[in-house]
C-alpha atoms as a PDB file:
ATOM      1  CA  MET A   1       0.000   0.000   0.000  1.00  0.00           C
ATOM      2  CA  ASP A   2       1.275   3.441  -0.864  1.00  0.00           C
ATOM      3  CA  GLU A   3       1.884   5.786   2.023  1.00  0.00           C
ATOM      4  CA  ILE A   4      -0.649   8.598   2.150  1.00  0.00           C
ATOM      5  CA  ARG A   5       0.885  12.032   2.319  1.00  0.00           C
ATOM      6  CA  LEU A   6      -1.233  14.174   4.559  1.00  0.00           C
ATOM      7  CA  PRO A   7      -1.701  17.774   3.406  1.00  0.00           C
ATOM      8  CA  HIS A   8      -1.089  19.196   6.880  1.00  0.00           C
ATOM      9  CA  HIS A   9       1.930  17.963   8.833  1.00  0.00           C
ATOM     10  CA  HIS A  10       1.716  18.337  12.615  1.00  0.00           C
ATOM     11  CA  GLY A  11       5.313  17.350  13.247  1.00  0.00           C
ATOM     12  CA  ASP A  12       4.458  14.335  15.392  1.00  0.00           C
ATOM     13  CA  GLY A  13       6.201  11.927  13.039  1.00  0.00           C
ATOM     14  CA  GLU A  14       3.492   9.270  13.438  1.00  0.00           C
ATOM     15  CA  ASP A  15       3.016   6.688  10.750  1.00  0.00           C
ATOM     16  CA  ASN A  16      -0.678   6.595   9.881  1.00  0.00           C
ATOM     17  CA  THR A  17      -0.426   3.467   7.731  1.00  0.00           C
ATOM     18  CA  LEU A  18      -2.425   1.279  10.146  1.00  0.00           C
ATOM     19  CA  LEU A  19      -5.153   3.884  10.460  1.00  0.00           C
ATOM     20  CA  GLN A  20      -5.309   4.215   6.697  1.00  0.00           C
ATOM     21  CA  GLU A  21      -5.550   0.441   6.243  1.00  0.00           C
ATOM     22  CA  GLN A  22      -8.517   0.342   8.620  1.00  0.00           C
ATOM     23  CA  LEU A  23     -10.175   3.347   6.951  1.00  0.00           C
ATOM     24  CA  ASP A  24      -9.856   1.630   3.586  1.00  0.00           C
ATOM     25  CA  ARG A  25     -11.953  -1.305   4.860  1.00  0.00           C
ATOM     26  CA  VAL A  26     -15.218   0.424   3.962  1.00  0.00           C
ATOM     27  CA  ASP A  27     -17.058  -2.906   4.220  1.00  0.00           C
ATOM     28  CA  TYR A  28     -16.254  -3.093   7.950  1.00  0.00           C
ATOM     29  CA  PHE A  29     -17.693   0.355   8.529  1.00  0.00           C
ATOM     30  CA  GLN A  30     -20.739  -0.556   6.443  1.00  0.00           C
ATOM     31  CA  ILE A  31     -21.476  -3.494   8.763  1.00  0.00           C
ATOM     32  CA  VAL A  32     -21.261  -1.207  11.796  1.00  0.00           C
ATOM     33  CA  ALA A  33     -23.493   1.371  10.082  1.00  0.00           C
ATOM     34  CA  GLU A  34     -26.123  -1.304   9.367  1.00  0.00           C
ATOM     35  CA  VAL A  35     -26.218  -2.321  13.041  1.00  0.00           C
ATOM     36  CA  PHE A  36     -26.529   1.274  14.186  1.00  0.00           C
ATOM     37  CA  LYS A  37     -29.187   1.900  11.543  1.00  0.00           C
ATOM     38  CA  GLN A  38     -31.378  -0.677  13.295  1.00  0.00           C
ATOM     39  CA  LEU A  39     -31.186   1.404  16.455  1.00  0.00           C
ATOM     40  CA  GLY A  40     -31.701   4.693  14.623  1.00  0.00           C
ATOM     41  CA  ASP A  41     -35.422   4.453  15.342  1.00  0.00           C
ATOM     42  CA  THR A  42     -36.897   5.162  18.793  1.00  0.00           C
ATOM     43  CA  THR A  43     -39.417   2.336  18.505  1.00  0.00           C
ATOM     44  CA  ARG A  44     -36.749  -0.212  17.589  1.00  0.00           C
ATOM     45  CA  ILE A  45     -34.551   0.925  20.470  1.00  0.00           C
ATOM     46  CA  ARG A  46     -37.473   0.505  22.857  1.00  0.00           C
ATOM     47  CA  ILE A  47     -38.349  -2.945  21.505  1.00  0.00           C
ATOM     48  CA  PHE A  48     -34.710  -4.048  21.577  1.00  0.00           C
ATOM     49  CA  TRP A  49     -34.287  -2.716  25.134  1.00  0.00           C
ATOM     50  CA  LEU A  50     -37.459  -4.536  26.250  1.00  0.00           C
ATOM     51  CA  LEU A  51     -36.261  -7.796  24.687  1.00  0.00           C
ATOM     52  CA  CYS A  52     -32.920  -7.431  26.466  1.00  0.00           C
ATOM     53  CA  HIS A  53     -34.891  -7.733  29.706  1.00  0.00           C
ATOM     54  CA  CYS A  54     -37.478 -10.376  28.846  1.00  0.00           C
ATOM     55  CA  GLU A  55     -38.739 -12.801  26.247  1.00  0.00           C
ATOM     56  CA  GLU A  56     -42.169 -11.905  24.848  1.00  0.00           C
ATOM     57  CA  CYS A  57     -44.644 -12.699  22.097  1.00  0.00           C
ATOM     58  CA  VAL A  58     -45.771 -10.063  19.604  1.00  0.00           C
ATOM     59  CA  LEU A  59     -49.125  -9.580  21.362  1.00  0.00           C
ATOM     60  CA  ASN A  60     -47.468  -8.771  24.686  1.00  0.00           C
ATOM     61  CA  ILE A  61     -44.866  -6.549  23.042  1.00  0.00           C
ATOM     62  CA  SER A  62     -47.706  -4.756  21.252  1.00  0.00           C
ATOM     63  CA  ALA A  63     -49.561  -4.192  24.518  1.00  0.00           C
ATOM     64  CA  MET A  64     -46.438  -2.943  26.310  1.00  0.00           C
ATOM     65  CA  MET A  65     -45.509  -0.661  23.419  1.00  0.00           C
ATOM     66  CA  LYS A  66     -49.126   0.489  22.913  1.00  0.00           C
ATOM     67  CA  MET A  67     -48.842  -0.397  19.225  1.00  0.00           C
ATOM     68  CA  SER A  68     -50.587  -2.739  16.815  1.00  0.00           C
ATOM     69  CA  SER A  69     -49.174  -6.232  16.290  1.00  0.00           C
ATOM     70  CA  PRO A  70     -48.405  -5.548  12.602  1.00  0.00           C
ATOM     71  CA  ALA A  71     -46.463  -2.408  13.572  1.00  0.00           C
ATOM     72  CA  VAL A  72     -44.425  -4.344  16.132  1.00  0.00           C
ATOM     73  CA  SER A  73     -43.782  -7.128  13.604  1.00  0.00           C
ATOM     74  CA  HIS A  74     -42.598  -4.471  11.140  1.00  0.00           C
ATOM     75  CA  HIS A  75     -39.952  -3.346  13.659  1.00  0.00           C
ATOM     76  CA  LEU A  76     -39.007  -6.858  14.789  1.00  0.00           C
ATOM     77  CA  ARG A  77     -38.149  -8.000  11.263  1.00  0.00           C
ATOM     78  CA  PRO A  78     -35.043  -5.814  10.755  1.00  0.00           C
ATOM     79  CA  LEU A  79     -33.916  -6.380  14.347  1.00  0.00           C
ATOM     80  CA  LYS A  80     -34.094 -10.122  13.720  1.00  0.00           C
ATOM     81  CA  ASN A  81     -32.450  -9.862  10.280  1.00  0.00           C
ATOM     82  CA  SER A  82     -29.541  -7.944  11.790  1.00  0.00           C
ATOM     83  CA  GLY A  83     -29.022 -10.649  14.420  1.00  0.00           C
ATOM     84  CA  LEU A  84     -29.888  -8.409  17.382  1.00  0.00           C
ATOM     85  CA  VAL A  85     -33.090 -10.347  18.161  1.00  0.00           C
ATOM     86  CA  VAL A  86     -33.854 -14.060  17.961  1.00  0.00           C
ATOM     87  CA  SER A  87     -37.129 -15.945  18.078  1.00  0.00           C
ATOM     88  CA  ARG A  88     -38.428 -19.356  19.007  1.00  0.00           C
ATOM     89  CA  ARG A  89     -41.729 -20.985  18.174  1.00  0.00           C
ATOM     90  CA  GLU A  90     -43.852 -22.767  20.752  1.00  0.00           C
ATOM     91  CA  GLY A  91     -46.949 -24.129  19.063  1.00  0.00           C
ATOM     92  CA  LYS A  92     -48.593 -21.208  17.281  1.00  0.00           C
ATOM     93  CA  GLU A  93     -46.836 -18.617  19.431  1.00  0.00           C
ATOM     94  CA  VAL A  94     -43.489 -17.011  18.522  1.00  0.00           C
ATOM     95  CA  TYR A  95     -41.382 -15.583  21.340  1.00  0.00           C
ATOM     96  CA  TYR A  96     -38.700 -12.931  20.831  1.00  0.00           C
ATOM     97  CA  ARG A  97     -35.683 -11.964  22.916  1.00  0.00           C
ATOM     98  CA  ALA A  98     -32.389 -10.186  22.421  1.00  0.00           C
ATOM     99  CA  ALA A  99     -29.725 -12.412  20.902  1.00  0.00           C
ATOM    100  CA  ASP A 100     -27.170 -13.785  23.346  1.00  0.00           C
ATOM    101  CA  THR A 101     -24.241 -12.252  21.483  1.00  0.00           C
ATOM    102  CA  GLU A 102     -21.456  -9.900  22.421  1.00  0.00           C
ATOM    103  CA  GLN A 103     -22.839  -7.379  19.932  1.00  0.00           C
ATOM    104  CA  SER A 104     -26.322  -7.374  21.513  1.00  0.00           C
ATOM    105  CA  ARG A 105     -24.941  -7.175  25.039  1.00  0.00           C
ATOM    106  CA  LEU A 106     -22.694  -4.259  24.109  1.00  0.00           C
ATOM    107  CA  LEU A 107     -25.531  -2.359  22.423  1.00  0.00           C
ATOM    108  CA  HIS A 108     -27.766  -2.980  25.431  1.00  0.00           C
ATOM    109  CA  GLN A 109     -25.063  -1.674  27.781  1.00  0.00           C
ATOM    110  CA  MET A 110     -24.582   1.339  25.550  1.00  0.00           C
ATOM    111  CA  ILE A 111     -28.310   2.143  25.578  1.00  0.00           C
ATOM    112  CA  GLU A 112     -28.470   1.748  29.355  1.00  0.00           C
ATOM    113  CA  ARG A 113     -25.371   3.911  29.904  1.00  0.00           C
ATOM    114  CA  VAL A 114     -26.517   6.678  27.536  1.00  0.00           C
ATOM    115  CA  MET A 115     -29.881   6.734  29.325  1.00  0.00           C
ATOM    116  CA  GLU A 116     -28.088   7.004  32.706  1.00  0.00           C
ATOM    117  CA  ILE A 117     -25.992   9.901  31.459  1.00  0.00           C
ATOM    118  CA  THR A 118     -28.694  11.826  29.609  1.00  0.00           C
ATOM    119  CA  CYS A 119     -31.718  10.988  31.765  1.00  0.00           C
ATOM    120  CA  PRO A 120     -30.471  11.456  35.340  1.00  0.00           C
ATOM    121  CA  GLU A 121     -33.961  11.101  36.833  1.00  0.00           C
ATOM    122  CA  LEU A 122     -33.978   7.382  35.937  1.00  0.00           C
END
């Protein structure tokens, strides 16, 4: 890889090759953007947060969210497709919960921490 010559030299003498290699991996950043896009909607954040704390069916999620079942299903689909939420079927009922992954746990912690910082009355 060719060394990038920065237009403004700060005199620190640092080699930015590693940073540049990471920046050039646009696909990595795209994956991160897709995950954050799922949480770019207040309703999805609320549903994800709820499912981090319990496993529920669409009807119960709908009641807790004060939304219609189709609207909740509309928000669950991308959360499930992104791997943040998983489901299991028991007879005719489908139950949803946050995925037991490092990514889901980290996002849940981030949501909780941001709420602590920005909503001190909680």
